Every structure is written in C-alpha cells, then in structure tokens.
Amino acid sequence: MQTPMWPMLLVIALALAACSSDRTERPNDAAAAKPTTPAAPDSASPPQPVPAPAATSGPMPASGAVGYSGFGPARFGATAEEVRMAWGKDMTGGPGDPQGCYYLYPEPHQKGSHRIGFMIENQHFSRVDVDVADIVAPGGGRVGMSAAEIGQHYADLVEQPHKYVEGAKYLRHTDAASGAVLVFETDASGKVTAWRLGTPPQVDYVEGCG
C-alpha cells in the first residue's frame, strides 16, 4: 500500500515558511534600530555685558574742601567772587536781584543733578547743596547712605518730617564749634538723596532759593 505524499509536503512547506519569516526584516524594525541623532540646540544669544554705573560728570571739589566753615578759602559769609575764586573753574548762575538769593553752579551744569551748588543771598555765601555720592560731607555722611548709617556718623541728629514726601525725613546736625548746620534729606525708605550745609536761616530753606 502506497503512503500519501501530501502530509510530508505540508510539513516541508511549513518549515520553509518559518525560515523565510525569520530572514524577513520588518520595515519598521530597521527604522527603529537606527540611532536617532539629537537635534542641535538653538544657538543661544551671547550674554550681554552689564553696563557700569554712569560716572558723575563734571569737575568735583577736592576731598575735604567742603567743611563746617565753608568751601576751601571761601568761608560762609564770603562774596560770590570769593566763591568763584575758591572753585577755580567756570561757574554758571548769577543774581536777578543783587540783594536776592541765587546759586552758583560749576560748569557743566547738567539737567537733573547740580552735583554741588553754592547759595548766595544778600551778596554773601551762606550754603552748599550736594546731590551726588562722590562728595562726602564733613563727618563722613554722603548721598546713598541709610538714615541708620548717618546716625553712626553723627550722634546728635535731630529728625524732622519731610515737608512734601510722606515718610521721608530731614536729619539735622549742628556743629558745636562753628554753629554751621548739616541737613541730610532722605526719601520715604530712609535713603539719603541730598544734603546741605550752611548757616541758619538759609540752611533750613526747604525749596532752596525758591
């Protein structure tokens, strides 16, 4: 009796199909096997340099030139011409009324900051006004200090409320030897924004010559 061939053929066909399946690579497998190249990072903008604080422009007085007696050789009570000579450089300003009140300012007189100004009233030098940190007051105070720091330099400060700014103050120190008065003006946070030095009553003019 002859054995049928179809069972053997079926086994052979199944074996060949399995081998063919093992050798065939699925299309998605090849794509998944490829390493992914990372995207190049966006080029960052180079860091910008931080601008340095603007320097105070214009000439400054010599260290220690402002004192309780006045400015250099020009003592409080001196004439406007003596103040000009003591400064030694160009100044602007002059009297509308020779007997009135006005300021002399060093050139260049920049808008928004006079740096230092010299009050003349009734033809006599009576006060110095400063609004920059570069010029140090006698005793060590300067613009930018806190009220607490000013208190460390002057033991007998008298605090007075600011005339226009709520929370701001005037810190007033009187020099016992000369009788000159030094007034520091603060903002509401207690930071010194300006100071003035001179003789009463001019040193207490809140609006200057205004």
C-alpha atoms as a PDB file:
ATOM      1  CA  MET A   1       0.000   0.000   0.000  1.00  0.00           C
ATOM      2  CA  GLN A   2       1.482   3.369  -1.036  1.00  0.00           C
ATOM      3  CA  THR A   3       1.761   6.154   1.587  1.00  0.00           C
ATOM      4  CA  PRO A   4       0.108   9.535   0.580  1.00  0.00           C
ATOM      5  CA  MET A   5       2.612  12.356  -0.122  1.00  0.00           C
ATOM      6  CA  TRP A   6       0.544  15.381   0.990  1.00  0.00           C
ATOM      7  CA  PRO A   7       1.302  15.131   4.748  1.00  0.00           C
ATOM      8  CA  MET A   8       5.027  15.253   4.048  1.00  0.00           C
ATOM      9  CA  LEU A   9       4.641  18.107   1.614  1.00  0.00           C
ATOM     10  CA  LEU A  10       2.666  20.049   4.214  1.00  0.00           C
ATOM     11  CA  VAL A  11       5.421  19.623   6.805  1.00  0.00           C
ATOM     12  CA  ILE A  12       8.093  20.775   4.345  1.00  0.00           C
ATOM     13  CA  ALA A  13       6.015  23.850   3.362  1.00  0.00           C
ATOM     14  CA  LEU A  14       5.542  24.868   6.977  1.00  0.00           C
ATOM     15  CA  ALA A  15       9.269  24.549   7.690  1.00  0.00           C
ATOM     16  CA  LEU A  16      10.198  26.687   4.685  1.00  0.00           C
ATOM     17  CA  ALA A  17       7.671  29.329   5.691  1.00  0.00           C
ATOM     18  CA  ALA A  18       9.171  29.573   9.181  1.00  0.00           C
ATOM     19  CA  CYS A  19      12.677  30.006   7.810  1.00  0.00           C
ATOM     20  CA  SER A  20      11.519  32.674   5.387  1.00  0.00           C
ATOM     21  CA  SER A  21       9.772  34.552   8.226  1.00  0.00           C
ATOM     22  CA  ASP A  22      12.941  34.576  10.332  1.00  0.00           C
ATOM     23  CA  ARG A  23      15.021  36.009   7.463  1.00  0.00           C
ATOM     24  CA  THR A  24      12.500  38.732   6.529  1.00  0.00           C
ATOM     25  CA  GLU A  25      13.061  42.017   8.357  1.00  0.00           C
ATOM     26  CA  ARG A  26      10.038  44.056   9.058  1.00  0.00           C
ATOM     27  CA  PRO A  27      10.309  47.581   7.556  1.00  0.00           C
ATOM     28  CA  ASN A  28       9.564  49.321  10.860  1.00  0.00           C
ATOM     29  CA  ASP A  29      12.249  47.318  12.684  1.00  0.00           C
ATOM     30  CA  ALA A  30      15.014  48.839  10.544  1.00  0.00           C
ATOM     31  CA  ALA A  31      13.789  52.352  11.189  1.00  0.00           C
ATOM     32  CA  ALA A  32      13.548  51.720  14.910  1.00  0.00           C
ATOM     33  CA  ALA A  33      17.048  50.234  15.012  1.00  0.00           C
ATOM     34  CA  LYS A  34      18.696  53.361  13.579  1.00  0.00           C
ATOM     35  CA  PRO A  35      20.082  55.640  16.278  1.00  0.00           C
ATOM     36  CA  THR A  36      18.322  58.989  16.460  1.00  0.00           C
ATOM     37  CA  THR A  37      20.608  61.982  16.001  1.00  0.00           C
ATOM     38  CA  PRO A  38      19.730  64.593  18.620  1.00  0.00           C
ATOM     39  CA  ALA A  39      18.592  67.902  17.253  1.00  0.00           C
ATOM     40  CA  ALA A  40      21.146  70.643  17.509  1.00  0.00           C
ATOM     41  CA  PRO A  41      20.251  73.053  20.312  1.00  0.00           C
ATOM     42  CA  ASP A  42      19.186  76.546  19.388  1.00  0.00           C
ATOM     43  CA  SER A  43      22.165  78.813  19.352  1.00  0.00           C
ATOM     44  CA  ALA A  44      21.897  80.947  22.478  1.00  0.00           C
ATOM     45  CA  SER A  45      22.460  84.676  22.257  1.00  0.00           C
ATOM     46  CA  PRO A  46      25.804  85.702  23.750  1.00  0.00           C
ATOM     47  CA  PRO A  47      25.469  87.217  27.236  1.00  0.00           C
ATOM     48  CA  GLN A  48      25.208  90.969  27.190  1.00  0.00           C
ATOM     49  CA  PRO A  49      27.631  92.870  29.404  1.00  0.00           C
ATOM     50  CA  VAL A  50      26.070  94.651  32.374  1.00  0.00           C
ATOM     51  CA  PRO A  51      26.541  98.390  31.895  1.00  0.00           C
ATOM     52  CA  ALA A  52      28.693 100.051  34.513  1.00  0.00           C
ATOM     53  CA  PRO A  53      27.099 102.789  36.613  1.00  0.00           C
ATOM     54  CA  ALA A  54      27.397 106.137  34.948  1.00  0.00           C
ATOM     55  CA  ALA A  55      30.153 108.208  36.421  1.00  0.00           C
ATOM     56  CA  THR A  56      29.371 111.628  37.756  1.00  0.00           C
ATOM     57  CA  SER A  57      30.222 114.094  35.028  1.00  0.00           C
ATOM     58  CA  GLY A  58      31.881 117.405  35.558  1.00  0.00           C
ATOM     59  CA  PRO A  59      34.583 118.589  37.916  1.00  0.00           C
ATOM     60  CA  MET A  60      34.443 117.637  41.574  1.00  0.00           C
ATOM     61  CA  PRO A  61      35.839 119.519  44.571  1.00  0.00           C
ATOM     62  CA  ALA A  62      38.971 118.256  46.258  1.00  0.00           C
ATOM     63  CA  SER A  63      38.445 115.873  49.141  1.00  0.00           C
ATOM     64  CA  GLY A  64      37.724 117.782  52.330  1.00  0.00           C
ATOM     65  CA  ALA A  65      37.123 121.100  50.548  1.00  0.00           C
ATOM     66  CA  VAL A  66      33.570 121.287  51.926  1.00  0.00           C
ATOM     67  CA  GLY A  67      33.714 121.892  55.662  1.00  0.00           C
ATOM     68  CA  TYR A  68      31.787 123.433  58.510  1.00  0.00           C
ATOM     69  CA  SER A  69      33.465 126.776  57.825  1.00  0.00           C
ATOM     70  CA  GLY A  70      32.527 126.868  54.133  1.00  0.00           C
ATOM     71  CA  PHE A  71      34.283 125.848  50.924  1.00  0.00           C
ATOM     72  CA  GLY A  72      38.051 125.930  50.936  1.00  0.00           C
ATOM     73  CA  PRO A  73      39.214 129.515  51.496  1.00  0.00           C
ATOM     74  CA  ALA A  74      35.684 130.848  50.867  1.00  0.00           C
ATOM     75  CA  ARG A  75      34.134 130.836  54.320  1.00  0.00           C
ATOM     76  CA  PHE A  76      30.415 131.238  54.929  1.00  0.00           C
ATOM     77  CA  GLY A  77      29.777 134.975  54.601  1.00  0.00           C
ATOM     78  CA  ALA A  78      32.234 135.369  51.709  1.00  0.00           C
ATOM     79  CA  THR A  79      31.308 137.157  48.490  1.00  0.00           C
ATOM     80  CA  ALA A  80      30.237 135.454  45.275  1.00  0.00           C
ATOM     81  CA  GLU A  81      33.541 136.406  43.693  1.00  0.00           C
ATOM     82  CA  GLU A  82      35.435 134.726  46.528  1.00  0.00           C
ATOM     83  CA  VAL A  83      33.414 131.567  45.944  1.00  0.00           C
ATOM     84  CA  ARG A  84      34.280 131.674  42.243  1.00  0.00           C
ATOM     85  CA  MET A  85      37.945 132.088  43.081  1.00  0.00           C
ATOM     86  CA  ALA A  86      37.811 129.200  45.572  1.00  0.00           C
ATOM     87  CA  TRP A  87      36.250 126.934  42.957  1.00  0.00           C
ATOM     88  CA  GLY A  88      38.839 127.988  40.389  1.00  0.00           C
ATOM     89  CA  LYS A  89      36.851 126.836  37.329  1.00  0.00           C
ATOM     90  CA  ASP A  90      33.931 128.096  35.260  1.00  0.00           C
ATOM     91  CA  MET A  91      30.637 128.562  37.108  1.00  0.00           C
ATOM     92  CA  THR A  92      27.163 129.497  35.960  1.00  0.00           C
ATOM     93  CA  GLY A  93      24.439 131.442  37.733  1.00  0.00           C
ATOM     94  CA  GLY A  94      24.013 134.987  38.885  1.00  0.00           C
ATOM     95  CA  PRO A  95      21.671 137.361  40.603  1.00  0.00           C
ATOM     96  CA  GLY A  96      18.431 138.543  39.162  1.00  0.00           C
ATOM     97  CA  ASP A  97      18.395 140.829  42.189  1.00  0.00           C
ATOM     98  CA  PRO A  98      21.862 141.501  43.697  1.00  0.00           C
ATOM     99  CA  GLN A  99      20.257 141.545  47.151  1.00  0.00           C
ATOM    100  CA  GLY A 100      18.243 138.404  46.481  1.00  0.00           C
ATOM    101  CA  CYS A 101      19.013 134.678  46.603  1.00  0.00           C
ATOM    102  CA  TYR A 102      20.657 132.634  43.827  1.00  0.00           C
ATOM    103  CA  TYR A 103      23.053 129.737  43.224  1.00  0.00           C
ATOM    104  CA  LEU A 104      26.435 129.396  41.596  1.00  0.00           C
ATOM    105  CA  TYR A 105      26.905 126.023  39.853  1.00  0.00           C
ATOM    106  CA  PRO A 106      30.087 124.514  38.397  1.00  0.00           C
ATOM    107  CA  GLU A 107      30.120 124.048  34.633  1.00  0.00           C
ATOM    108  CA  PRO A 108      28.790 121.939  33.026  1.00  0.00           C
ATOM    109  CA  HIS A 109      25.538 122.303  34.937  1.00  0.00           C
ATOM    110  CA  GLN A 110      23.661 119.145  33.895  1.00  0.00           C
ATOM    111  CA  LYS A 111      19.890 118.864  33.999  1.00  0.00           C
ATOM    112  CA  GLY A 112      18.519 116.759  36.838  1.00  0.00           C
ATOM    113  CA  SER A 113      21.577 116.989  39.063  1.00  0.00           C
ATOM    114  CA  HIS A 114      23.514 120.066  40.079  1.00  0.00           C
ATOM    115  CA  ARG A 115      26.182 117.908  41.829  1.00  0.00           C
ATOM    116  CA  ILE A 116      27.156 120.839  44.039  1.00  0.00           C
ATOM    117  CA  GLY A 117      25.667 124.311  44.308  1.00  0.00           C
ATOM    118  CA  PHE A 118      26.656 127.403  46.274  1.00  0.00           C
ATOM    119  CA  MET A 119      23.863 129.585  47.642  1.00  0.00           C
ATOM    120  CA  ILE A 120      24.417 133.337  47.661  1.00  0.00           C
ATOM    121  CA  GLU A 121      21.941 135.567  49.498  1.00  0.00           C
ATOM    122  CA  ASN A 122      22.290 139.269  50.172  1.00  0.00           C
ATOM    123  CA  GLN A 123      25.659 139.040  48.346  1.00  0.00           C
ATOM    124  CA  HIS A 124      27.055 136.534  50.853  1.00  0.00           C
ATOM    125  CA  PHE A 125      27.852 132.838  50.601  1.00  0.00           C
ATOM    126  CA  SER A 126      25.535 131.011  53.008  1.00  0.00           C
ATOM    127  CA  ARG A 127      25.068 127.380  51.982  1.00  0.00           C
ATOM    128  CA  VAL A 128      26.356 124.375  49.968  1.00  0.00           C
ATOM    129  CA  ASP A 129      23.934 121.872  48.362  1.00  0.00           C
ATOM    130  CA  VAL A 130      25.070 118.390  47.225  1.00  0.00           C
ATOM    131  CA  ASP A 131      23.078 115.639  45.440  1.00  0.00           C
ATOM    132  CA  VAL A 132      25.788 113.109  44.431  1.00  0.00           C
ATOM    133  CA  ALA A 133      27.548 110.379  46.406  1.00  0.00           C
ATOM    134  CA  ASP A 134      31.012 111.439  45.201  1.00  0.00           C
ATOM    135  CA  ILE A 135      31.161 114.403  47.573  1.00  0.00           C
ATOM    136  CA  VAL A 136      31.442 113.489  51.245  1.00  0.00           C
ATOM    137  CA  ALA A 137      30.026 115.742  53.943  1.00  0.00           C
ATOM    138  CA  PRO A 138      32.184 116.696  56.921  1.00  0.00           C
ATOM    139  CA  GLY A 139      31.865 113.854  59.380  1.00  0.00           C
ATOM    140  CA  GLY A 140      31.539 111.160  56.681  1.00  0.00           C
ATOM    141  CA  GLY A 141      27.905 111.274  55.550  1.00  0.00           C
ATOM    142  CA  ARG A 142      27.014 111.036  51.886  1.00  0.00           C
ATOM    143  CA  VAL A 143      24.179 110.502  49.410  1.00  0.00           C
ATOM    144  CA  GLY A 144      23.080 106.856  49.253  1.00  0.00           C
ATOM    145  CA  MET A 145      23.546 106.108  52.947  1.00  0.00           C
ATOM    146  CA  SER A 146      20.643 104.955  55.080  1.00  0.00           C
ATOM    147  CA  ALA A 147      19.356 107.028  57.979  1.00  0.00           C
ATOM    148  CA  ALA A 148      20.828 104.398  60.314  1.00  0.00           C
ATOM    149  CA  GLU A 149      24.271 104.816  58.729  1.00  0.00           C
ATOM    150  CA  ILE A 150      24.046 108.592  59.062  1.00  0.00           C
ATOM    151  CA  GLY A 151      23.231 108.090  62.749  1.00  0.00           C
ATOM    152  CA  GLN A 152      26.503 106.208  63.162  1.00  0.00           C
ATOM    153  CA  HIS A 153      28.416 109.275  61.987  1.00  0.00           C
ATOM    154  CA  TYR A 154      26.510 111.961  63.886  1.00  0.00           C
ATOM    155  CA  ALA A 155      25.400 111.246  67.438  1.00  0.00           C
ATOM    156  CA  ASP A 156      23.152 114.268  67.969  1.00  0.00           C
ATOM    157  CA  LEU A 157      20.905 114.081  64.895  1.00  0.00           C
ATOM    158  CA  VAL A 158      17.508 115.733  65.107  1.00  0.00           C
ATOM    159  CA  GLU A 159      14.868 114.087  62.907  1.00  0.00           C
ATOM    160  CA  GLN A 160      12.211 116.230  61.270  1.00  0.00           C
ATOM    161  CA  PRO A 161       9.425 115.125  58.884  1.00  0.00           C
ATOM    162  CA  HIS A 162       9.862 115.979  55.219  1.00  0.00           C
ATOM    163  CA  LYS A 163       7.727 118.873  54.079  1.00  0.00           C
ATOM    164  CA  TYR A 164       6.492 117.173  50.897  1.00  0.00           C
ATOM    165  CA  VAL A 165       7.244 113.417  50.958  1.00  0.00           C
ATOM    166  CA  GLU A 166       5.323 111.228  53.392  1.00  0.00           C
ATOM    167  CA  GLY A 167       7.699 109.039  55.385  1.00  0.00           C
ATOM    168  CA  ALA A 168      10.791 110.970  54.305  1.00  0.00           C
ATOM    169  CA  LYS A 169      12.854 112.947  56.804  1.00  0.00           C
ATOM    170  CA  TYR A 170      15.374 115.679  57.381  1.00  0.00           C
ATOM    171  CA  LEU A 171      18.279 114.641  59.610  1.00  0.00           C
ATOM    172  CA  ARG A 172      19.773 117.782  61.172  1.00  0.00           C
ATOM    173  CA  HIS A 173      23.195 118.034  62.799  1.00  0.00           C
ATOM    174  CA  THR A 174      24.648 121.216  64.325  1.00  0.00           C
ATOM    175  CA  ASP A 175      28.411 121.622  64.599  1.00  0.00           C
ATOM    176  CA  ALA A 176      29.112 122.875  68.123  1.00  0.00           C
ATOM    177  CA  ALA A 177      32.360 124.657  67.203  1.00  0.00           C
ATOM    178  CA  SER A 178      31.169 126.697  64.200  1.00  0.00           C
ATOM    179  CA  GLY A 179      27.391 126.774  64.608  1.00  0.00           C
ATOM    180  CA  ALA A 180      27.039 125.546  60.994  1.00  0.00           C
ATOM    181  CA  VAL A 181      24.192 123.130  60.315  1.00  0.00           C
ATOM    182  CA  LEU A 182      24.319 119.969  58.206  1.00  0.00           C
ATOM    183  CA  VAL A 183      20.995 118.633  56.927  1.00  0.00           C
ATOM    184  CA  PHE A 184      20.563 115.237  55.231  1.00  0.00           C
ATOM    185  CA  GLU A 185      17.377 114.723  53.218  1.00  0.00           C
ATOM    186  CA  THR A 186      16.010 111.173  52.880  1.00  0.00           C
ATOM    187  CA  ASP A 187      13.336 109.536  50.776  1.00  0.00           C
ATOM    188  CA  ALA A 188      10.463 107.502  52.238  1.00  0.00           C
ATOM    189  CA  SER A 189      12.686 104.402  52.510  1.00  0.00           C
ATOM    190  CA  GLY A 190      15.211 106.281  54.651  1.00  0.00           C
ATOM    191  CA  LYS A 191      17.887 106.623  51.961  1.00  0.00           C
ATOM    192  CA  VAL A 192      19.777 109.937  51.743  1.00  0.00           C
ATOM    193  CA  THR A 193      19.085 111.704  48.434  1.00  0.00           C
ATOM    194  CA  ALA A 194      20.806 115.043  49.110  1.00  0.00           C
ATOM    195  CA  TRP A 195      22.459 117.093  51.833  1.00  0.00           C
ATOM    196  CA  ARG A 196      23.148 120.731  52.541  1.00  0.00           C
ATOM    197  CA  LEU A 197      25.475 122.597  54.823  1.00  0.00           C
ATOM    198  CA  GLY A 198      25.370 126.223  55.865  1.00  0.00           C
ATOM    199  CA  THR A 199      24.246 128.831  58.313  1.00  0.00           C
ATOM    200  CA  PRO A 200      20.720 129.497  59.589  1.00  0.00           C
ATOM    201  CA  PRO A 201      18.262 130.576  58.370  1.00  0.00           C
ATOM    202  CA  GLN A 202      19.382 129.788  54.796  1.00  0.00           C
ATOM    203  CA  VAL A 203      20.321 126.173  55.516  1.00  0.00           C
ATOM    204  CA  ASP A 204      16.722 125.467  56.504  1.00  0.00           C
ATOM    205  CA  TYR A 205      15.185 126.827  53.279  1.00  0.00           C
ATOM    206  CA  VAL A 206      13.384 123.697  52.057  1.00  0.00           C
ATOM    207  CA  GLU A 207      12.998 124.988  48.478  1.00  0.00           C
ATOM    208  CA  GLY A 208      16.483 126.458  48.261  1.00  0.00           C
ATOM    209  CA  CYS A 209      16.161 129.902  46.783  1.00  0.00           C
ATOM    210  CA  GLY A 210      12.580 129.111  45.739  1.00  0.00           C
END
